[in-house]
Amino acid sequence: VLVKDFDDLQDVSVKYRDFKMYEDRKFPQRLSFEVVDPKHLL
């Protein structure tokens, strides 16, 4: 998922990887999240 906010010059990205079966439901083992703007990197 990628979200761009042009007011704040901010990018928010979410990534899901390594999907695995948990109790007959496919769910990612790994979630990564990043927020980038002119002042901060989270």
All heavy atoms as atom14 arrays in JSON, in Angstrom:
{
  "sequence": "VLVKDFDDLQDVSVKYRDFKMYEDRKFPQRLSFEVVDPKHLL",
  "atom14_mask": [
    [1, 1, 1, 1, 1, 1, 1, 0, 0, 0, 0, 0, 0, 0],
    [1, 1, 1, 1, 1, 1, 1, 1, 0, 0, 0, 0, 0, 0],
    [1, 1, 1, 1, 1, 1, 1, 0, 0, 0, 0, 0, 0, 0],
    [1, 1, 1, 1, 1, 1, 1, 1, 1, 0, 0, 0, 0, 0],
    [1, 1, 1, 1, 1, 1, 1, 1, 0, 0, 0, 0, 0, 0],
    [1, 1, 1, 1, 1, 1, 1, 1, 1, 1, 1, 0, 0, 0],
    [1, 1, 1, 1, 1, 1, 1, 1, 0, 0, 0, 0, 0, 0],
    [1, 1, 1, 1, 1, 1, 1, 1, 0, 0, 0, 0, 0, 0],
    [1, 1, 1, 1, 1, 1, 1, 1, 0, 0, 0, 0, 0, 0],
    [1, 1, 1, 1, 1, 1, 1, 1, 1, 0, 0, 0, 0, 0],
    [1, 1, 1, 1, 1, 1, 1, 1, 0, 0, 0, 0, 0, 0],
    [1, 1, 1, 1, 1, 1, 1, 0, 0, 0, 0, 0, 0, 0],
    [1, 1, 1, 1, 1, 1, 0, 0, 0, 0, 0, 0, 0, 0],
    [1, 1, 1, 1, 1, 1, 1, 0, 0, 0, 0, 0, 0, 0],
    [1, 1, 1, 1, 1, 1, 1, 1, 1, 0, 0, 0, 0, 0],
    [1, 1, 1, 1, 1, 1, 1, 1, 1, 1, 1, 1, 0, 0],
    [1, 1, 1, 1, 1, 1, 1, 1, 1, 1, 1, 0, 0, 0],
    [1, 1, 1, 1, 1, 1, 1, 1, 0, 0, 0, 0, 0, 0],
    [1, 1, 1, 1, 1, 1, 1, 1, 1, 1, 1, 0, 0, 0],
    [1, 1, 1, 1, 1, 1, 1, 1, 1, 0, 0, 0, 0, 0],
    [1, 1, 1, 1, 1, 1, 1, 1, 0, 0, 0, 0, 0, 0],
    [1, 1, 1, 1, 1, 1, 1, 1, 1, 1, 1, 1, 0, 0],
    [1, 1, 1, 1, 1, 1, 1, 1, 1, 0, 0, 0, 0, 0],
    [1, 1, 1, 1, 1, 1, 1, 1, 0, 0, 0, 0, 0, 0],
    [1, 1, 1, 1, 1, 1, 1, 1, 1, 1, 1, 0, 0, 0],
    [1, 1, 1, 1, 1, 1, 1, 1, 1, 0, 0, 0, 0, 0],
    [1, 1, 1, 1, 1, 1, 1, 1, 1, 1, 1, 0, 0, 0],
    [1, 1, 1, 1, 1, 1, 1, 0, 0, 0, 0, 0, 0, 0],
    [1, 1, 1, 1, 1, 1, 1, 1, 1, 0, 0, 0, 0, 0],
    [1, 1, 1, 1, 1, 1, 1, 1, 1, 1, 1, 0, 0, 0],
    [1, 1, 1, 1, 1, 1, 1, 1, 0, 0, 0, 0, 0, 0],
    [1, 1, 1, 1, 1, 1, 0, 0, 0, 0, 0, 0, 0, 0],
    [1, 1, 1, 1, 1, 1, 1, 1, 1, 1, 1, 0, 0, 0],
    [1, 1, 1, 1, 1, 1, 1, 1, 1, 0, 0, 0, 0, 0],
    [1, 1, 1, 1, 1, 1, 1, 0, 0, 0, 0, 0, 0, 0],
    [1, 1, 1, 1, 1, 1, 1, 0, 0, 0, 0, 0, 0, 0],
    [1, 1, 1, 1, 1, 1, 1, 1, 0, 0, 0, 0, 0, 0],
    [1, 1, 1, 1, 1, 1, 1, 0, 0, 0, 0, 0, 0, 0],
    [1, 1, 1, 1, 1, 1, 1, 1, 1, 0, 0, 0, 0, 0],
    [1, 1, 1, 1, 1, 1, 1, 1, 1, 1, 0, 0, 0, 0],
    [1, 1, 1, 1, 1, 1, 1, 1, 0, 0, 0, 0, 0, 0],
    [1, 1, 1, 1, 1, 1, 1, 1, 0, 0, 0, 0, 0, 0]
  ],
  "atom14_positions": [
    [[0.86, -1.18, 0.0], [0.0, 0.0, 0.0], [0.9, 1.23, 0.0], [1.87, 1.3, 0.76], [-0.93, 0.04, 1.24], [-1.8, 1.29, 1.2], [-1.8, -1.21, 1.31], [0.0, 0.0, 0.0], [0.0, 0.0, 0.0], [0.0, 0.0, 0.0], [0.0, 0.0, 0.0], [0.0, 0.0, 0.0], [0.0, 0.0, 0.0], [0.0, 0.0, 0.0]],
    [[0.58, 2.19, -0.85], [1.31, 3.45, -0.88], [0.31, 4.6, -0.8], [-0.66, 4.63, -1.55], [2.13, 3.59, -2.17], [2.81, 4.94, -2.42], [3.85, 5.23, -1.34], [3.44, 4.99, -3.8], [0.0, 0.0, 0.0], [0.0, 0.0, 0.0], [0.0, 0.0, 0.0], [0.0, 0.0, 0.0], [0.0, 0.0, 0.0], [0.0, 0.0, 0.0]],
    [[0.54, 5.52, 0.13], [-0.3, 6.71, 0.28], [0.59, 7.94, 0.2], [1.59, 8.03, 0.92], [-1.06, 6.7, 1.63], [-1.9, 7.97, 1.77], [-1.93, 5.46, 1.75], [0.0, 0.0, 0.0], [0.0, 0.0, 0.0], [0.0, 0.0, 0.0], [0.0, 0.0, 0.0], [0.0, 0.0, 0.0], [0.0, 0.0, 0.0], [0.0, 0.0, 0.0]],
    [[0.22, 8.87, -0.68], [0.96, 10.12, -0.8], [0.09, 11.28, -0.33], [-1.06, 11.41, -0.77], [1.4, 10.36, -2.25], [2.55, 9.48, -2.71], [2.93, 9.81, -4.15], [4.18, 9.06, -4.58], [5.4, 9.56, -3.91], [0.0, 0.0, 0.0], [0.0, 0.0, 0.0], [0.0, 0.0, 0.0], [0.0, 0.0, 0.0], [0.0, 0.0, 0.0]],
    [[0.64, 12.09, 0.55], [-0.02, 13.3, 1.02], [0.78, 14.49, 0.51], [1.88, 14.77, 0.98], [-0.07, 13.32, 2.56], [-0.86, 14.49, 3.12], [-0.91, 15.54, 2.45], [-1.41, 14.38, 4.22], [0.0, 0.0, 0.0], [0.0, 0.0, 0.0], [0.0, 0.0, 0.0], [0.0, 0.0, 0.0], [0.0, 0.0, 0.0], [0.0, 0.0, 0.0]],
    [[0.23, 15.19, -0.48], [0.98, 16.27, -1.12], [0.96, 17.56, -0.3], [1.78, 18.44, -0.52], [0.45, 16.52, -2.53], [0.71, 15.35, -3.46], [-0.31, 14.48, -3.79], [1.98, 15.12, -3.96], [-0.07, 13.4, -4.63], [2.23, 14.04, -4.79], [1.2, 13.17, -5.13], [0.0, 0.0, 0.0], [0.0, 0.0, 0.0], [0.0, 0.0, 0.0]],
    [[0.02, 17.67, 0.64], [0.03, 18.82, 1.54], [1.26, 18.8, 2.44], [1.96, 19.79, 2.61], [-1.24, 18.83, 2.41], [-2.39, 19.52, 1.72], [-2.13, 20.36, 0.84], [-3.55, 19.22, 2.03], [0.0, 0.0, 0.0], [0.0, 0.0, 0.0], [0.0, 0.0, 0.0], [0.0, 0.0, 0.0], [0.0, 0.0, 0.0], [0.0, 0.0, 0.0]],
    [[1.51, 17.62, 3.03], [2.62, 17.47, 3.97], [3.88, 16.91, 3.32], [4.87, 16.66, 4.01], [2.21, 16.54, 5.12], [1.12, 17.14, 5.98], [1.0, 18.38, 5.98], [0.37, 16.38, 6.64], [0.0, 0.0, 0.0], [0.0, 0.0, 0.0], [0.0, 0.0, 0.0], [0.0, 0.0, 0.0], [0.0, 0.0, 0.0], [0.0, 0.0, 0.0]],
    [[3.84, 16.69, 2.0], [4.97, 16.09, 1.28], [5.39, 14.78, 1.95], [6.57, 14.53, 2.2], [6.15, 17.07, 1.23], [5.9, 18.41, 0.52], [7.13, 19.29, 0.61], [5.49, 18.2, -0.92], [0.0, 0.0, 0.0], [0.0, 0.0, 0.0], [0.0, 0.0, 0.0], [0.0, 0.0, 0.0], [0.0, 0.0, 0.0], [0.0, 0.0, 0.0]],
    [[4.4, 13.95, 2.21], [4.64, 12.73, 2.99], [4.24, 11.49, 2.2], [3.22, 11.47, 1.52], [3.83, 12.79, 4.28], [4.03, 11.59, 5.21], [3.06, 11.64, 6.37], [1.88, 11.31, 6.24], [3.56, 12.07, 7.52], [0.0, 0.0, 0.0], [0.0, 0.0, 0.0], [0.0, 0.0, 0.0], [0.0, 0.0, 0.0], [0.0, 0.0, 0.0]],
    [[5.07, 10.46, 2.3], [4.78, 9.14, 1.73], [4.64, 8.14, 2.87], [5.49, 8.08, 3.77], [5.9, 8.67, 0.81], [5.92, 9.43, -0.51], [5.06, 10.31, -0.7], [6.81, 9.13, -1.34], [0.0, 0.0, 0.0], [0.0, 0.0, 0.0], [0.0, 0.0, 0.0], [0.0, 0.0, 0.0], [0.0, 0.0, 0.0], [0.0, 0.0, 0.0]],
    [[3.58, 7.35, 2.82], [3.39, 6.26, 3.77], [3.31, 4.97, 2.96], [2.49, 4.86, 2.04], [2.1, 6.43, 4.59], [1.89, 5.23, 5.52], [2.14, 7.73, 5.39], [0.0, 0.0, 0.0], [0.0, 0.0, 0.0], [0.0, 0.0, 0.0], [0.0, 0.0, 0.0], [0.0, 0.0, 0.0], [0.0, 0.0, 0.0], [0.0, 0.0, 0.0]],
    [[4.16, 4.02, 3.27], [4.14, 2.74, 2.56], [4.01, 1.59, 3.56], [4.59, 1.62, 4.65], [5.39, 2.56, 1.71], [6.55, 2.53, 2.52], [0.0, 0.0, 0.0], [0.0, 0.0, 0.0], [0.0, 0.0, 0.0], [0.0, 0.0, 0.0], [0.0, 0.0, 0.0], [0.0, 0.0, 0.0], [0.0, 0.0, 0.0], [0.0, 0.0, 0.0]],
    [[3.24, 0.59, 3.17], [3.02, -0.61, 3.97], [3.28, -1.82, 3.09], [2.8, -1.87, 1.94], [1.58, -0.67, 4.53], [1.43, -1.86, 5.49], [1.2, 0.63, 5.22], [0.0, 0.0, 0.0], [0.0, 0.0, 0.0], [0.0, 0.0, 0.0], [0.0, 0.0, 0.0], [0.0, 0.0, 0.0], [0.0, 0.0, 0.0], [0.0, 0.0, 0.0]],
    [[4.04, -2.79, 3.59], [4.34, -3.99, 2.83], [4.02, -5.23, 3.66], [4.29, -5.25, 4.87], [5.82, -4.03, 2.42], [6.23, -2.9, 1.47], [7.7, -3.01, 1.11], [8.13, -1.86, 0.19], [7.46, -1.94, -1.12], [0.0, 0.0, 0.0], [0.0, 0.0, 0.0], [0.0, 0.0, 0.0], [0.0, 0.0, 0.0], [0.0, 0.0, 0.0]],
    [[3.47, -6.24, 3.0], [3.15, -7.52, 3.65], [3.88, -8.63, 2.9], [3.79, -8.73, 1.67], [1.65, -7.79, 3.6], [0.8, -6.72, 4.24], [0.24, -5.7, 3.46], [0.54, -6.72, 5.6], [-0.55, -4.71, 4.04], [-0.25, -5.73, 6.18], [-0.79, -4.73, 5.39], [-1.57, -3.75, 5.95], [0.0, 0.0, 0.0], [0.0, 0.0, 0.0]],
    [[4.58, -9.48, 3.64], [5.33, -10.56, 3.02], [5.22, -11.85, 3.86], [4.78, -11.83, 4.99], [6.81, -10.17, 2.88], [7.08, -8.99, 1.97], [6.73, -9.28, 0.52], [7.1, -8.19, -0.36], [6.28, -7.19, -0.69], [5.05, -7.15, -0.18], [6.68, -6.24, -1.51], [0.0, 0.0, 0.0], [0.0, 0.0, 0.0], [0.0, 0.0, 0.0]],
    [[5.69, -12.94, 3.26], [5.76, -14.26, 3.91], [4.39, -14.7, 4.43], [4.19, -14.94, 5.63], [6.77, -14.25, 5.06], [8.19, -14.0, 4.59], [8.42, -14.03, 3.36], [9.07, -13.76, 5.43], [0.0, 0.0, 0.0], [0.0, 0.0, 0.0], [0.0, 0.0, 0.0], [0.0, 0.0, 0.0], [0.0, 0.0, 0.0], [0.0, 0.0, 0.0]],
    [[3.44, -14.83, 3.51], [2.1, -15.28, 3.89], [2.13, -16.75, 4.3], [2.79, -17.58, 3.66], [1.13, -15.09, 2.72], [0.72, -13.66, 2.52], [1.54, -12.78, 1.82], [-0.49, -13.19, 3.01], [1.17, -11.45, 1.64], [-0.87, -11.87, 2.83], [-0.04, -11.0, 2.13], [0.0, 0.0, 0.0], [0.0, 0.0, 0.0], [0.0, 0.0, 0.0]],
    [[1.41, -17.04, 5.36], [1.39, -18.37, 5.94], [-0.02, -18.71, 6.36], [-0.84, -17.83, 6.62], [2.34, -18.43, 7.16], [2.48, -19.77, 7.82], [3.44, -19.69, 9.0], [3.55, -21.02, 9.72], [4.47, -20.94, 10.88], [0.0, 0.0, 0.0], [0.0, 0.0, 0.0], [0.0, 0.0, 0.0], [0.0, 0.0, 0.0], [0.0, 0.0, 0.0]],
    [[-0.33, -20.02, 6.43], [-1.66, -20.44, 6.85], [-1.73, -20.52, 8.36], [-0.95, -21.21, 9.01], [-1.99, -21.81, 6.25], [-3.42, -22.24, 6.47], [-4.59, -21.28, 5.48], [-4.4, -22.05, 3.87], [0.0, 0.0, 0.0], [0.0, 0.0, 0.0], [0.0, 0.0, 0.0], [0.0, 0.0, 0.0], [0.0, 0.0, 0.0], [0.0, 0.0, 0.0]],
    [[-2.67, -19.76, 8.93], [-2.96, -19.83, 10.37], [-4.44, -20.18, 10.52], [-5.3, -19.39, 10.16], [-2.7, -18.48, 11.04], [-1.27, -18.01, 11.05], [-0.8, -17.16, 10.06], [-0.39, -18.4, 12.06], [0.51, -16.7, 10.08], [0.92, -17.95, 12.08], [1.37, -17.1, 11.08], [2.66, -16.65, 11.1], [0.0, 0.0, 0.0], [0.0, 0.0, 0.0]],
    [[-4.71, -21.36, 11.04], [-6.1, -21.78, 11.27], [-6.96, -21.55, 10.03], [-7.97, -20.87, 10.07], [-6.69, -21.03, 12.47], [-5.96, -21.28, 13.77], [-6.59, -20.49, 14.92], [-7.65, -19.88, 14.73], [-6.0, -20.51, 16.02], [0.0, 0.0, 0.0], [0.0, 0.0, 0.0], [0.0, 0.0, 0.0], [0.0, 0.0, 0.0], [0.0, 0.0, 0.0]],
    [[-6.54, -22.07, 8.92], [-7.2, -22.01, 7.6], [-7.34, -20.59, 7.05], [-8.14, -20.33, 6.15], [-8.55, -22.74, 7.59], [-9.7, -22.02, 8.31], [-9.57, -20.85, 8.67], [-10.73, -22.67, 8.49], [0.0, 0.0, 0.0], [0.0, 0.0, 0.0], [0.0, 0.0, 0.0], [0.0, 0.0, 0.0], [0.0, 0.0, 0.0], [0.0, 0.0, 0.0]],
    [[-6.57, -19.65, 7.56], [-6.56, -18.28, 7.05], [-5.14, -17.9, 6.64], [-4.21, -18.08, 7.41], [-7.08, -17.29, 8.11], [-8.53, -17.52, 8.55], [-8.78, -16.67, 9.78], [-10.15, -16.69, 10.23], [-10.64, -17.54, 11.14], [-9.85, -18.47, 11.65], [-11.9, -17.47, 11.52], [0.0, 0.0, 0.0], [0.0, 0.0, 0.0], [0.0, 0.0, 0.0]],
    [[-5.0, -17.36, 5.44], [-3.68, -16.89, 4.98], [-3.42, -15.51, 5.57], [-4.21, -14.59, 5.4], [-3.64, -16.84, 3.46], [-3.76, -18.18, 2.76], [-3.58, -18.02, 1.26], [-3.77, -19.33, 0.53], [-5.2, -19.7, 0.43], [0.0, 0.0, 0.0], [0.0, 0.0, 0.0], [0.0, 0.0, 0.0], [0.0, 0.0, 0.0], [0.0, 0.0, 0.0]],
    [[-2.28, -15.39, 6.24], [-1.96, -14.14, 6.92], [-0.45, -13.9, 6.81], [0.34, -14.83, 6.9], [-2.37, -14.22, 8.4], [-2.45, -12.89, 9.08], [-3.57, -12.08, 8.91], [-1.42, -12.44, 9.89], [-3.65, -10.84, 9.53], [-1.5, -11.2, 10.52], [-2.63, -10.4, 10.33], [0.0, 0.0, 0.0], [0.0, 0.0, 0.0], [0.0, 0.0, 0.0]],
    [[-0.03, -12.64, 6.62], [1.41, -12.37, 6.47], [2.16, -12.52, 7.79], [1.69, -12.07, 8.83], [1.45, -10.93, 5.97], [0.2, -10.31, 6.5], [-0.83, -11.4, 6.47], [0.0, 0.0, 0.0], [0.0, 0.0, 0.0], [0.0, 0.0, 0.0], [0.0, 0.0, 0.0], [0.0, 0.0, 0.0], [0.0, 0.0, 0.0], [0.0, 0.0, 0.0]],
    [[3.34, -13.11, 7.7], [4.21, -13.18, 8.87], [4.95, -11.86, 9.08], [5.36, -11.56, 10.2], [5.24, -14.3, 8.7], [4.71, -15.7, 8.94], [5.82, -16.72, 8.82], [6.36, -16.97, 7.74], [6.2, -17.31, 9.94], [0.0, 0.0, 0.0], [0.0, 0.0, 0.0], [0.0, 0.0, 0.0], [0.0, 0.0, 0.0], [0.0, 0.0, 0.0]],
    [[5.13, -11.11, 8.01], [5.93, -9.89, 8.1], [5.14, -8.68, 7.61], [4.51, -8.71, 6.55], [7.22, -10.03, 7.29], [8.14, -11.11, 7.83], [9.48, -11.14, 7.12], [10.32, -12.2, 7.63], [11.1, -12.11, 8.7], [11.15, -10.97, 9.38], [11.84, -13.13, 9.1], [0.0, 0.0, 0.0], [0.0, 0.0, 0.0], [0.0, 0.0, 0.0]],
    [[5.2, -7.64, 8.4], [4.59, -6.34, 8.08], [5.66, -5.28, 8.24], [6.32, -5.2, 9.28], [3.41, -6.07, 9.02], [2.94, -4.62, 9.19], [2.4, -4.06, 7.89], [1.88, -4.52, 10.29], [0.0, 0.0, 0.0], [0.0, 0.0, 0.0], [0.0, 0.0, 0.0], [0.0, 0.0, 0.0], [0.0, 0.0, 0.0], [0.0, 0.0, 0.0]],
    [[5.86, -4.47, 7.22], [6.78, -3.34, 7.33], [6.04, -2.06, 7.0], [5.16, -2.03, 6.14], [7.99, -3.51, 6.42], [7.59, -3.58, 5.06], [0.0, 0.0, 0.0], [0.0, 0.0, 0.0], [0.0, 0.0, 0.0], [0.0, 0.0, 0.0], [0.0, 0.0, 0.0], [0.0, 0.0, 0.0], [0.0, 0.0, 0.0], [0.0, 0.0, 0.0]],
    [[6.43, -1.01, 7.69], [5.71, 0.26, 7.63], [6.74, 1.38, 7.6], [7.7, 1.36, 8.36], [4.8, 0.37, 8.86], [4.04, 1.65, 8.96], [2.82, 1.8, 8.33], [4.54, 2.72, 9.69], [2.11, 2.98, 8.43], [3.84, 3.9, 9.79], [2.62, 4.04, 9.15], [0.0, 0.0, 0.0], [0.0, 0.0, 0.0], [0.0, 0.0, 0.0]],
    [[6.55, 2.34, 6.69], [7.51, 3.44, 6.58], [6.8, 4.76, 6.32], [5.86, 4.81, 5.52], [8.51, 3.17, 5.46], [9.64, 4.19, 5.37], [10.67, 3.82, 4.32], [10.4, 4.06, 3.13], [11.73, 3.27, 4.71], [0.0, 0.0, 0.0], [0.0, 0.0, 0.0], [0.0, 0.0, 0.0], [0.0, 0.0, 0.0], [0.0, 0.0, 0.0]],
    [[7.22, 5.8, 7.01], [6.7, 7.15, 6.81], [7.88, 8.07, 6.49], [8.84, 8.13, 7.26], [5.97, 7.67, 8.07], [5.43, 9.08, 7.82], [4.83, 6.74, 8.46], [0.0, 0.0, 0.0], [0.0, 0.0, 0.0], [0.0, 0.0, 0.0], [0.0, 0.0, 0.0], [0.0, 0.0, 0.0], [0.0, 0.0, 0.0], [0.0, 0.0, 0.0]],
    [[7.81, 8.75, 5.37], [8.88, 9.63, 4.93], [8.3, 11.01, 4.65], [7.33, 11.15, 3.9], [9.58, 9.1, 3.66], [10.71, 10.04, 3.25], [10.1, 7.69, 3.87], [0.0, 0.0, 0.0], [0.0, 0.0, 0.0], [0.0, 0.0, 0.0], [0.0, 0.0, 0.0], [0.0, 0.0, 0.0], [0.0, 0.0, 0.0], [0.0, 0.0, 0.0]],
    [[8.89, 12.03, 5.27], [8.53, 13.42, 4.97], [9.8, 14.25, 5.04], [10.88, 13.72, 5.36], [7.43, 13.93, 5.91], [7.85, 13.95, 7.38], [9.0, 14.35, 7.66], [7.04, 13.58, 8.24], [0.0, 0.0, 0.0], [0.0, 0.0, 0.0], [0.0, 0.0, 0.0], [0.0, 0.0, 0.0], [0.0, 0.0, 0.0], [0.0, 0.0, 0.0]],
    [[9.76, 15.54, 4.72], [10.99, 16.33, 4.69], [11.75, 16.39, 6.02], [12.96, 16.64, 6.02], [10.5, 17.72, 4.29], [9.25, 17.48, 3.52], [8.61, 16.31, 4.19], [0.0, 0.0, 0.0], [0.0, 0.0, 0.0], [0.0, 0.0, 0.0], [0.0, 0.0, 0.0], [0.0, 0.0, 0.0], [0.0, 0.0, 0.0], [0.0, 0.0, 0.0]],
    [[11.07, 16.17, 7.14], [11.73, 16.31, 8.44], [12.05, 14.98, 9.11], [12.95, 14.91, 9.95], [10.85, 17.13, 9.38], [10.66, 18.58, 8.93], [9.82, 19.34, 9.95], [9.65, 20.8, 9.54], [8.82, 21.56, 10.52], [0.0, 0.0, 0.0], [0.0, 0.0, 0.0], [0.0, 0.0, 0.0], [0.0, 0.0, 0.0], [0.0, 0.0, 0.0]],
    [[11.3, 13.91, 8.78], [11.44, 12.67, 9.55], [11.46, 11.45, 8.63], [10.92, 11.47, 7.53], [10.29, 12.52, 10.55], [10.18, 13.65, 11.52], [11.07, 13.83, 12.56], [9.29, 14.67, 11.61], [10.73, 14.91, 13.25], [9.66, 15.44, 12.69], [0.0, 0.0, 0.0], [0.0, 0.0, 0.0], [0.0, 0.0, 0.0], [0.0, 0.0, 0.0]],
    [[12.06, 10.39, 9.16], [11.99, 9.07, 8.55], [11.69, 8.07, 9.66], [12.46, 7.91, 10.59], [13.32, 8.71, 7.87], [13.44, 7.25, 7.39], [12.34, 6.91, 6.4], [14.82, 6.99, 6.78], [0.0, 0.0, 0.0], [0.0, 0.0, 0.0], [0.0, 0.0, 0.0], [0.0, 0.0, 0.0], [0.0, 0.0, 0.0], [0.0, 0.0, 0.0]],
    [[10.52, 7.46, 9.56], [10.08, 6.48, 10.55], [9.85, 5.16, 9.84], [9.2, 5.13, 8.79], [8.8, 6.97, 11.21], [8.12, 6.1, 12.28], [7.28, 6.98, 13.2], [7.22, 5.02, 11.67], [0.0, 0.0, 0.0], [0.0, 0.0, 0.0], [0.0, 0.0, 0.0], [0.0, 0.0, 0.0], [0.0, 0.0, 0.0], [0.0, 0.0, 0.0]]
  ]
}
